């Protein structure tokens, strides 16, 4: 069974998803999340950003195995099934969002294609196959009461990324729940609901 929508055939098992949000929010969300995506293209699930929308939010997440970030931006309307976008394609979407910061941007999914458009300017990307990391499970495992630790080591460049995401003058808080456990990172923002995890590095005195 198939149906016709905008001169495209939708076969059984495919669905058309539509979501709209402000271009400035999409830009801030994707710029922040993409900083945590893996750079190794031989690992396609890591070298990507996952997005999904519903309940008034567009949620995006990425991980490079050393850190994990998730952000939620207020959507104007619609919903979107989970979609895994390559990092290169994410950068192209960021460029489109940057050009339309003051306008509404629409995300339309048809099968394994995602079209991002605003005011007649559009970009269509092919989504990646694969299953993203169990984000909620990782965040749940990191929960717990704050616990003192004797010391911690991490890549200082990661802190620079958090500072860029938060913006000038915004706060970043780190929560420790035990030796060797993921560090919970709280990024303060008036526009995006952020949550992040950072894995500590092994070190010797």
Protein backbone atom coordinates (compact mmCIF):
# COMPACT_ATOMS: atom_id res chain seq x y z
CA UNK A 1 0.00 0.00 0.00
CA UNK A 2 1.28 3.49 -0.80
CA UNK A 3 0.08 7.07 -0.79
CA UNK A 4 1.16 10.16 -2.70
CA UNK A 5 2.34 13.29 -0.85
CA UNK A 6 3.89 16.29 -2.64
CA UNK A 7 4.59 14.09 -5.70
CA UNK A 8 6.48 11.57 -3.53
CA UNK A 9 5.32 8.03 -2.92
CA UNK A 10 5.13 6.94 0.70
CA UNK A 11 5.22 3.17 0.97
CA UNK A 12 3.92 1.11 3.86
CA UNK A 13 6.25 1.38 6.84
CA UNK A 14 7.32 4.92 5.99
CA UNK A 15 5.99 8.01 7.74
CA UNK A 16 6.10 11.72 7.06
CA UNK A 17 7.18 13.78 10.10
CA UNK A 18 7.07 17.56 10.33
CA UNK A 19 8.43 19.88 13.00
CA UNK A 20 9.05 23.63 13.07
CA UNK A 21 11.11 25.82 15.37
CA UNK A 22 12.91 29.12 15.37
CA UNK A 23 16.09 29.13 13.32
CA UNK A 24 18.11 30.67 16.16
CA UNK A 25 17.15 27.81 18.49
CA UNK A 26 17.99 25.15 15.89
CA UNK A 27 21.37 26.82 15.34
CA UNK A 28 22.20 26.98 19.05
CA UNK A 29 21.08 23.40 19.63
CA UNK A 30 23.01 21.84 16.76
CA UNK A 31 26.16 23.90 17.29
CA UNK A 32 26.28 22.80 20.91
CA UNK A 33 25.52 19.14 20.34
CA UNK A 34 27.80 18.71 17.32
CA UNK A 35 30.81 19.72 19.41
CA UNK A 36 30.47 16.36 21.20
CA UNK A 37 30.12 14.14 18.12
CA UNK A 38 32.96 11.78 17.29
CA UNK A 39 35.29 12.82 14.46
CA UNK A 40 36.18 9.30 13.30
CA UNK A 41 34.14 8.66 10.15
CA UNK A 42 34.75 4.91 10.43
CA UNK A 43 32.39 5.00 13.43
CA UNK A 44 29.20 6.29 11.78
CA UNK A 45 26.98 6.14 14.87
CA UNK A 46 29.43 8.33 16.77
CA UNK A 47 30.21 10.62 13.84
CA UNK A 48 26.62 11.83 13.91
CA UNK A 49 23.90 13.72 15.76
CA UNK A 50 20.58 12.16 16.71
CA UNK A 51 17.44 14.30 16.74
CA UNK A 52 13.81 13.68 17.63
CA UNK A 53 10.83 15.88 18.33
CA UNK A 54 7.62 15.75 20.30
CA UNK A 55 5.85 17.27 23.27
CA UNK A 56 6.84 20.77 22.22
CA UNK A 57 10.58 20.04 22.02
CA UNK A 58 13.24 19.19 19.48
CA UNK A 59 15.86 17.08 21.25
CA UNK A 60 19.36 16.50 19.88
CA UNK A 61 22.21 14.41 21.30
CA UNK A 62 25.75 13.30 20.44
CA UNK A 63 28.65 11.41 22.00
CA UNK A 64 32.29 10.66 21.25
CA UNK A 65 32.41 7.96 24.00
CA UNK A 66 34.26 10.30 26.35
CA UNK A 67 31.35 12.66 26.82
CA UNK A 68 27.66 12.78 26.07
CA UNK A 69 25.39 15.77 25.60
CA UNK A 70 21.68 16.24 25.07
CA UNK A 71 19.76 19.44 24.50
CA UNK A 72 16.11 20.30 24.09
CA UNK A 73 14.83 23.36 22.21
CA UNK A 74 11.23 24.57 22.19
CA UNK A 75 9.44 23.57 19.01
CA UNK A 76 6.62 25.67 17.58
CA UNK A 77 4.64 22.68 16.38
CA UNK A 78 4.86 19.13 15.05
CA UNK A 79 6.80 15.99 15.83
CA UNK A 80 9.75 14.10 14.39
CA UNK A 81 10.78 10.46 14.70
CA UNK A 82 14.35 9.70 15.75
CA UNK A 83 16.78 10.57 12.98
CA UNK A 84 20.54 10.00 12.87
CA UNK A 85 22.30 12.73 10.87
CA UNK A 86 25.96 12.49 9.87
CA UNK A 87 28.21 15.17 11.34
CA UNK A 88 29.00 16.55 7.88
CA UNK A 89 25.29 16.89 7.08
CA UNK A 90 24.69 18.43 10.52
CA UNK A 91 27.21 21.13 9.65
CA UNK A 92 25.30 21.86 6.42
CA UNK A 93 22.06 22.17 8.41
CA UNK A 94 23.83 24.52 10.83
CA UNK A 95 24.82 26.73 7.88
CA UNK A 96 21.19 26.88 6.71
CA UNK A 97 19.97 27.67 10.24
CA UNK A 98 22.59 30.41 10.55
CA UNK A 99 21.23 32.03 7.38
CA UNK A 100 17.69 31.93 8.80
CA UNK A 101 18.20 32.74 12.48
CA UNK A 102 15.24 35.10 12.48
CA UNK A 103 12.84 32.78 10.69
CA UNK A 104 10.94 29.57 11.25
CA UNK A 105 12.77 26.46 10.07
CA UNK A 106 10.92 23.28 9.14
CA UNK A 107 12.26 19.73 9.47
CA UNK A 108 10.41 17.21 7.31
CA UNK A 109 11.25 13.52 7.35
CA UNK A 110 10.20 11.15 4.59
CA UNK A 111 11.58 7.63 5.03
CA UNK A 112 15.36 7.87 5.29
CA UNK A 113 15.48 11.49 4.04
CA UNK A 114 15.31 14.66 6.10
CA UNK A 115 14.60 18.02 4.47
CA UNK A 116 15.36 21.21 6.37
CA UNK A 117 13.87 24.37 4.87
CA UNK A 118 13.09 28.03 5.46
CA UNK A 119 11.74 30.70 3.11
CA UNK A 120 12.35 28.59 0.00
CA UNK A 121 15.90 27.67 1.00
CA UNK A 122 16.12 23.92 1.58
CA UNK A 123 18.54 21.06 2.15
CA UNK A 124 17.82 17.34 1.98
CA UNK A 125 20.11 14.79 3.65
CA UNK A 126 20.09 11.00 3.78
CA UNK A 127 19.80 9.69 7.31
CA UNK A 128 22.13 7.07 8.70
CA UNK A 129 21.17 3.58 9.75
CA UNK A 130 22.20 2.38 13.16
CA UNK A 131 21.17 2.64 16.77
CA UNK A 132 22.39 5.52 18.91
CA UNK A 133 23.74 4.92 22.39
CA UNK A 134 21.16 4.26 25.18
CA UNK A 135 21.17 7.87 26.31
CA UNK A 136 18.55 7.68 29.03
CA UNK A 137 20.19 4.58 30.51
CA UNK A 138 23.54 6.38 30.72
CA UNK A 139 22.03 9.43 32.40
CA UNK A 140 20.10 7.25 34.84
CA UNK A 141 23.24 5.33 35.83
CA UNK A 142 25.01 8.61 36.56
CA UNK A 143 22.40 9.70 39.08
CA UNK A 144 23.14 9.65 42.77
CA UNK A 145 24.03 11.81 45.70
CA UNK A 146 27.12 14.01 45.35
CA UNK A 147 30.18 12.22 46.67
CA UNK A 148 33.66 13.57 47.48
CA UNK A 149 36.54 12.39 45.32
CA UNK A 150 40.28 12.60 45.83
CA UNK A 151 41.05 13.95 42.38
CA UNK A 152 39.97 13.97 38.77
CA UNK A 153 41.60 14.48 35.37
CA UNK A 154 39.95 15.43 32.11
CA UNK A 155 40.78 17.02 28.78
CA UNK A 156 40.74 20.81 29.35
CA UNK A 157 39.51 21.34 25.79
CA UNK A 158 36.21 19.81 26.90
CA UNK A 159 35.72 22.64 29.38
CA UNK A 160 36.27 25.12 26.57
CA UNK A 161 33.47 23.45 24.61
CA UNK A 162 31.12 23.68 27.59
CA UNK A 163 31.97 27.37 27.96
CA UNK A 164 31.13 28.02 24.29
CA UNK A 165 27.82 26.21 24.63
CA UNK A 166 26.84 28.10 27.77
CA UNK A 167 27.89 31.47 26.36
CA UNK A 168 29.58 34.43 27.96
CA UNK A 169 28.77 34.91 31.61
CA UNK A 170 26.73 31.70 31.95
CA UNK A 171 27.49 29.10 34.58
CA UNK A 172 28.67 25.50 34.36
CA UNK A 173 28.38 23.11 37.30
CA UNK A 174 30.06 19.73 37.76
CA UNK A 175 28.59 17.03 39.98
CA UNK A 176 30.70 14.11 41.24
CA UNK A 177 29.04 10.91 42.46
CA UNK A 178 32.10 8.78 43.10
CA UNK A 179 35.58 7.80 41.96
CA UNK A 180 35.70 6.80 38.30
CA UNK A 181 32.02 7.56 37.70
CA UNK A 182 30.76 9.89 34.97
CA UNK A 183 30.75 13.55 35.94
CA UNK A 184 27.37 15.20 35.50
CA UNK A 185 27.63 18.56 33.77
CA UNK A 186 24.96 21.22 34.11
CA UNK A 187 25.07 23.97 31.50
CA UNK A 188 23.00 27.04 32.30
CA UNK A 189 20.91 28.40 29.43
CA UNK A 190 17.75 30.45 29.04
CA UNK A 191 16.95 28.85 25.68
CA UNK A 192 18.15 25.22 25.62
CA UNK A 193 17.64 22.54 28.29
CA UNK A 194 21.09 20.95 28.46
CA UNK A 195 22.39 17.89 30.28
CA UNK A 196 25.78 16.29 29.77
CA UNK A 197 28.12 13.61 31.06
CA UNK A 198 31.92 13.61 31.07
CA UNK A 199 34.03 10.50 31.67
CA UNK A 200 37.06 11.13 33.89
CA UNK A 201 40.48 10.14 32.60
CA UNK A 202 42.75 7.71 34.39
CA UNK A 203 45.78 9.40 35.87
CA UNK A 204 48.65 8.79 38.22
CA UNK A 205 50.18 11.24 40.67
